[in-house]
C-alpha atoms as a PDB file:
ATOM      1  CA  MET A   1      -0.164  -0.428   0.067  1.00  0.00           C
ATOM      2  CA  ALA A   2       1.144   3.861  -0.417  1.00  0.00           C
ATOM      3  CA  ARG A   3       1.559   5.472   2.164  1.00  0.00           C
ATOM      4  CA  GLU A   4      -1.573   7.605   1.993  1.00  0.00           C
ATOM      5  CA  GLU A   5      -3.705   4.403   1.750  1.00  0.00           C
ATOM      6  CA  SER A   6      -2.201   3.459   4.884  1.00  0.00           C
ATOM      7  CA  ALA A   7      -2.973   6.389   7.146  1.00  0.00           C
ATOM      8  CA  THR A   8      -4.400   4.979  10.009  1.00  0.00           C
ATOM      9  CA  SER A   9      -7.552   7.124  11.934  1.00  0.00           C
ATOM     10  CA  ALA A  10      -6.361   8.211  14.578  1.00  0.00           C
ATOM     11  CA  GLY A  11      -8.971  10.878  15.594  1.00  0.00           C
ATOM     12  CA  VAL A  12     -12.187   9.977  13.194  1.00  0.00           C
ATOM     13  CA  ASP A  13     -14.629   8.351  14.396  1.00  0.00           C
ATOM     14  CA  VAL A  14     -14.672   5.109  12.538  1.00  0.00           C
ATOM     15  CA  ALA A  15     -18.249   3.679  13.249  1.00  0.00           C
ATOM     16  CA  ALA A  16     -19.463   7.187  12.089  1.00  0.00           C
ATOM     17  CA  ALA A  17     -17.330   7.284   8.679  1.00  0.00           C
ATOM     18  CA  ALA A  18     -18.657   3.263   8.127  1.00  0.00           C
ATOM     19  CA  GLU A  19     -22.647   4.703   9.043  1.00  0.00           C
ATOM     20  CA  ARG A  20     -22.629   7.655   6.360  1.00  0.00           C
ATOM     21  CA  VAL A  21     -21.424   5.054   3.899  1.00  0.00           C
ATOM     22  CA  ALA A  22     -23.907   2.786   4.904  1.00  0.00           C
ATOM     23  CA  GLN A  23     -27.171   5.537   4.906  1.00  0.00           C
ATOM     24  CA  PHE A  24     -25.264   6.590   1.310  1.00  0.00           C
ATOM     25  CA  TYR A  25     -25.939   3.304  -0.138  1.00  0.00           C
ATOM     26  CA  GLU A  26     -29.338   2.492   1.615  1.00  0.00           C
ATOM     27  CA  THR A  27     -30.979   5.488  -0.130  1.00  0.00           C
ATOM     28  CA  LEU A  28     -28.453   4.984  -2.985  1.00  0.00           C
ATOM     29  CA  THR A  29     -30.244   6.716  -6.124  1.00  0.00           C
ATOM     30  CA  ARG A  30     -29.412   7.560  -9.859  1.00  0.00           C
ATOM     31  CA  ASP A  31     -29.377  10.518  -9.227  1.00  0.00           C
ATOM     32  CA  SER A  32     -27.340  10.454  -5.650  1.00  0.00           C
ATOM     33  CA  ILE A  33     -24.355   8.852  -7.249  1.00  0.00           C
ATOM     34  CA  SER A  34     -22.308  12.076  -7.278  1.00  0.00           C
ATOM     35  CA  GLY A  35     -22.858  11.759  -3.048  1.00  0.00           C
ATOM     36  CA  LEU A  36     -19.477   9.280  -3.420  1.00  0.00           C
ATOM     37  CA  ALA A  37     -17.181  12.596  -3.919  1.00  0.00           C
ATOM     38  CA  ALA A  38     -18.548  13.190   0.069  1.00  0.00           C
ATOM     39  CA  LEU A  39     -17.265   9.913   0.899  1.00  0.00           C
ATOM     40  CA  TYR A  40     -13.966   8.429  -0.777  1.00  0.00           C
ATOM     41  CA  ALA A  41     -10.679   9.726  -1.618  1.00  0.00           C
ATOM     42  CA  PRO A  42     -10.112  10.988  -4.925  1.00  0.00           C
ATOM     43  CA  ALA A  43      -7.986   7.921  -5.162  1.00  0.00           C
ATOM     44  CA  ALA A  44      -9.968   5.250  -3.532  1.00  0.00           C
ATOM     45  CA  ARG A  45     -10.208   1.312  -4.931  1.00  0.00           C
ATOM     46  CA  PHE A  46     -13.057  -0.480  -5.370  1.00  0.00           C
ATOM     47  CA  LYS A  47     -12.884  -4.109  -6.380  1.00  0.00           C
ATOM     48  CA  ASP A  48     -15.814  -6.511  -7.260  1.00  0.00           C
ATOM     49  CA  PRO A  49     -16.362  -9.704  -8.437  1.00  0.00           C
ATOM     50  CA  PHE A  50     -16.967  -7.547 -11.739  1.00  0.00           C
ATOM     51  CA  ASN A  51     -14.934  -4.436 -11.228  1.00  0.00           C
ATOM     52  CA  GLU A  52     -11.549  -3.473 -10.444  1.00  0.00           C
ATOM     53  CA  VAL A  53     -11.066   0.663 -10.510  1.00  0.00           C
ATOM     54  CA  VAL A  54      -9.251   3.560  -8.804  1.00  0.00           C
ATOM     55  CA  GLY A  55     -10.727   7.343  -8.537  1.00  0.00           C
ATOM     56  CA  VAL A  56     -14.220   8.404  -7.475  1.00  0.00           C
ATOM     57  CA  ALA A  57     -15.406   9.159 -11.193  1.00  0.00           C
ATOM     58  CA  ALA A  58     -14.442   5.295 -11.654  1.00  0.00           C
ATOM     59  CA  ILE A  59     -16.218   3.994  -8.743  1.00  0.00           C
ATOM     60  CA  GLU A  60     -19.553   6.489 -10.183  1.00  0.00           C
ATOM     61  CA  ARG A  61     -19.296   4.651 -13.222  1.00  0.00           C
ATOM     62  CA  ILE A  62     -19.632   1.541 -11.566  1.00  0.00           C
ATOM     63  CA  PHE A  63     -22.797   2.550  -9.905  1.00  0.00           C
ATOM     64  CA  ALA A  64     -24.128   4.548 -12.980  1.00  0.00           C
ATOM     65  CA  HIS A  65     -23.981   1.460 -15.232  1.00  0.00           C
ATOM     66  CA  MET A  66     -25.792  -0.476 -11.970  1.00  0.00           C
ATOM     67  CA  PHE A  67     -28.617   1.731 -12.294  1.00  0.00           C
ATOM     68  CA  ALA A  68     -28.615   1.130 -16.030  1.00  0.00           C
ATOM     69  CA  THR A  69     -28.895  -2.067 -16.263  1.00  0.00           C
ATOM     70  CA  VAL A  70     -30.734  -3.222 -13.461  1.00  0.00           C
ATOM     71  CA  ALA A  71     -34.354  -2.906 -12.389  1.00  0.00           C
ATOM     72  CA  ALA A  72     -35.492  -1.734  -9.278  1.00  0.00           C
ATOM     73  CA  PRO A  73     -31.691  -1.978  -7.175  1.00  0.00           C
ATOM     74  CA  ARG A  74     -30.841  -1.504  -3.647  1.00  0.00           C
ATOM     75  CA  PHE A  75     -29.300  -2.278  -0.799  1.00  0.00           C
ATOM     76  CA  VAL A  76     -30.046  -2.779   2.932  1.00  0.00           C
ATOM     77  CA  ILE A  77     -26.998  -2.815   4.900  1.00  0.00           C
ATOM     78  CA  THR A  78     -27.707  -5.809   7.971  1.00  0.00           C
ATOM     79  CA  THR A  79     -24.490  -5.708   9.545  1.00  0.00           C
ATOM     80  CA  ARG A  80     -21.384  -3.030  11.048  1.00  0.00           C
ATOM     81  CA  ILE A  81     -18.412  -4.036  12.237  1.00  0.00           C
ATOM     82  CA  ALA A  82     -15.952  -0.795  12.936  1.00  0.00           C
ATOM     83  CA  GLU A  83     -12.434  -1.083  14.347  1.00  0.00           C
ATOM     84  CA  SER A  84      -9.497   0.983  13.987  1.00  0.00           C
ATOM     85  CA  GLU A  85      -9.194   1.960  10.671  1.00  0.00           C
ATOM     86  CA  GLN A  86     -11.847  -0.519   8.708  1.00  0.00           C
ATOM     87  CA  ALA A  87     -15.313  -1.921   8.897  1.00  0.00           C
ATOM     88  CA  MET A  88     -17.300  -4.541   7.363  1.00  0.00           C
ATOM     89  CA  LEU A  89     -20.763  -4.387   6.414  1.00  0.00           C
ATOM     90  CA  GLY A  90     -23.168  -7.227   6.156  1.00  0.00           C
ATOM     91  CA  TRP A  91     -25.285  -6.460   3.172  1.00  0.00           C
ATOM     92  CA  ASP A  92     -28.173  -7.938   0.656  1.00  0.00           C
ATOM     93  CA  PHE A  93     -28.383  -6.084  -2.638  1.00  0.00           C
ATOM     94  CA  PHE A  94     -32.128  -6.187  -3.956  1.00  0.00           C
ATOM     95  CA  LEU A  95     -33.047  -6.358  -7.590  1.00  0.00           C
ATOM     96  CA  GLN A  96     -34.823  -7.366 -10.720  1.00  0.00           C
ATOM     97  CA  LEU A  97     -34.254 -10.004 -13.130  1.00  0.00           C
ATOM     98  CA  ARG A  98     -36.728 -11.222 -15.487  1.00  0.00           C
ATOM     99  CA  GLY A  99     -39.776  -9.635 -13.063  1.00  0.00           C
ATOM    100  CA  ARG A 100     -38.345 -11.974 -10.155  1.00  0.00           C
ATOM    101  CA  GLU A 101     -36.927 -10.267  -7.049  1.00  0.00           C
ATOM    102  CA  ILE A 102     -32.877 -11.286  -6.892  1.00  0.00           C
ATOM    103  CA  VAL A 103     -31.056 -10.789  -3.145  1.00  0.00           C
ATOM    104  CA  ILE A 104     -27.584 -11.027  -3.655  1.00  0.00           C
ATOM    105  CA  ARG A 105     -25.826 -11.266   0.158  1.00  0.00           C
ATOM    106  CA  GLY A 106     -22.801  -9.943   0.828  1.00  0.00           C
ATOM    107  CA  VAL A 107     -20.001  -7.906   2.849  1.00  0.00           C
ATOM    108  CA  THR A 108     -17.628  -5.091   2.606  1.00  0.00           C
ATOM    109  CA  HIS A 109     -14.200  -4.292   3.338  1.00  0.00           C
ATOM    110  CA  LEU A 110     -14.063  -0.499   4.148  1.00  0.00           C
ATOM    111  CA  ARG A 111     -10.655   1.150   5.042  1.00  0.00           C
ATOM    112  CA  PHE A 112     -10.424   4.785   5.750  1.00  0.00           C
ATOM    113  CA  ASN A 113      -8.365   7.519   5.923  1.00  0.00           C
ATOM    114  CA  ALA A 114      -7.216  10.016   8.918  1.00  0.00           C
ATOM    115  CA  ALA A 115     -10.122  12.197   7.351  1.00  0.00           C
ATOM    116  CA  GLY A 116     -12.332   9.658   7.616  1.00  0.00           C
ATOM    117  CA  LYS A 117     -13.312   9.067   4.178  1.00  0.00           C
ATOM    118  CA  VAL A 118     -12.932   5.539   2.677  1.00  0.00           C
ATOM    119  CA  LEU A 119      -9.402   4.939   0.983  1.00  0.00           C
ATOM    120  CA  LEU A 120     -10.187   0.849  -0.044  1.00  0.00           C
ATOM    121  CA  HIS A 121     -14.375  -0.702  -0.955  1.00  0.00           C
ATOM    122  CA  ARG A 122     -13.823  -4.303  -1.312  1.00  0.00           C
ATOM    123  CA  ASP A 123     -17.148  -6.186  -2.258  1.00  0.00           C
ATOM    124  CA  TYR A 124     -17.423 -10.153  -0.873  1.00  0.00           C
ATOM    125  CA  TRP A 125     -20.214 -12.275  -2.399  1.00  0.00           C
ATOM    126  CA  ASP A 126     -20.248 -15.324  -4.690  1.00  0.00           C
ATOM    127  CA  ALA A 127     -21.422 -14.666  -8.138  1.00  0.00           C
ATOM    128  CA  ALA A 128     -21.357 -18.375  -8.667  1.00  0.00           C
ATOM    129  CA  GLU A 129     -24.784 -19.033  -6.090  1.00  0.00           C
ATOM    130  CA  GLU A 130     -26.151 -15.799  -5.969  1.00  0.00           C
ATOM    131  CA  LEU A 131     -26.235 -14.605  -9.585  1.00  0.00           C
ATOM    132  CA  TYR A 132     -24.865 -17.260 -12.762  1.00  0.00           C
ATOM    133  CA  ALA A 133     -26.877 -19.935 -10.293  1.00  0.00           C
ATOM    134  CA  ARG A 134     -30.367 -18.163 -10.707  1.00  0.00           C
ATOM    135  CA  LEU A 135     -30.071 -17.660 -14.594  1.00  0.00           C
ATOM    136  CA  PRO A 136     -31.119 -19.838 -17.572  1.00  0.00           C
ATOM    137  CA  VAL A 137     -28.952 -22.336 -19.446  1.00  0.00           C
ATOM    138  CA  ILE A 138     -25.774 -21.330 -17.028  1.00  0.00           C
ATOM    139  CA  GLY A 139     -27.837 -21.531 -14.074  1.00  0.00           C
ATOM    140  CA  GLY A 140     -28.497 -25.607 -14.347  1.00  0.00           C
ATOM    141  CA  VAL A 141     -24.857 -25.842 -15.606  1.00  0.00           C
ATOM    142  CA  MET A 142     -23.420 -24.146 -12.380  1.00  0.00           C
ATOM    143  CA  ARG A 143     -26.028 -26.085  -9.840  1.00  0.00           C
ATOM    144  CA  TRP A 144     -24.606 -29.305 -11.371  1.00  0.00           C
ATOM    145  CA  LEU A 145     -21.536 -28.332 -11.124  1.00  0.00           C
ATOM    146  CA  ARG A 146     -21.643 -27.458  -7.262  1.00  0.00           C
ATOM    147  CA  ARG A 147     -23.768 -30.903  -6.671  1.00  0.00           C
ATOM    148  CA  ARG A 148     -20.248 -32.419  -8.242  1.00  0.00           C
ATOM    149  CA  LEU A 149     -17.753 -30.832  -6.229  1.00  0.00           C
ATOM    150  CA  ALA A 150     -19.636 -30.775  -3.162  1.00  0.00           C
ATOM    151  CA  ALA A 151     -18.150 -33.098  -0.018  1.00  0.00           C
ATOM    152  CA  ASN A 152     -20.825 -35.056   0.259  1.00  0.00           C
ATOM    153  CA  GLY A 153     -21.522 -35.900  -2.954  1.00  0.00           C
ATOM    154  CA  ASP A 154     -24.965 -35.390  -3.695  1.00  0.00           C
END
């Protein structure tokens, strides 16, 4: 990590910073995406199963793309854990897929700088189980593969 990225959050209320991020995502709309700049450091890093980018503008593009390609997306934060300069947010992501509501469950690891802004946003969720297995054709293949690789062999 670069020196700036390893800065501690001494004096910063990380729980409050994480709560601001949680509230932002729970109320996220297409029109509020630009609010990321108030929460993220200019060179913040973002990574999820599909994207790895640096910078607020690139992160904004990811969420703009989400609103352009997914129907009725919304986040519900289910867990908040904050310690030192980092936090973990557990979440449920709701979206519409072919008229059906889908829920993707995951967790976000956040690392904050000394000003309480996000330096690192890393999303962890299982794309195979949470998304691909629900798609026609590939879903059947994913379920079959999962059964074949399971320790119990069922």
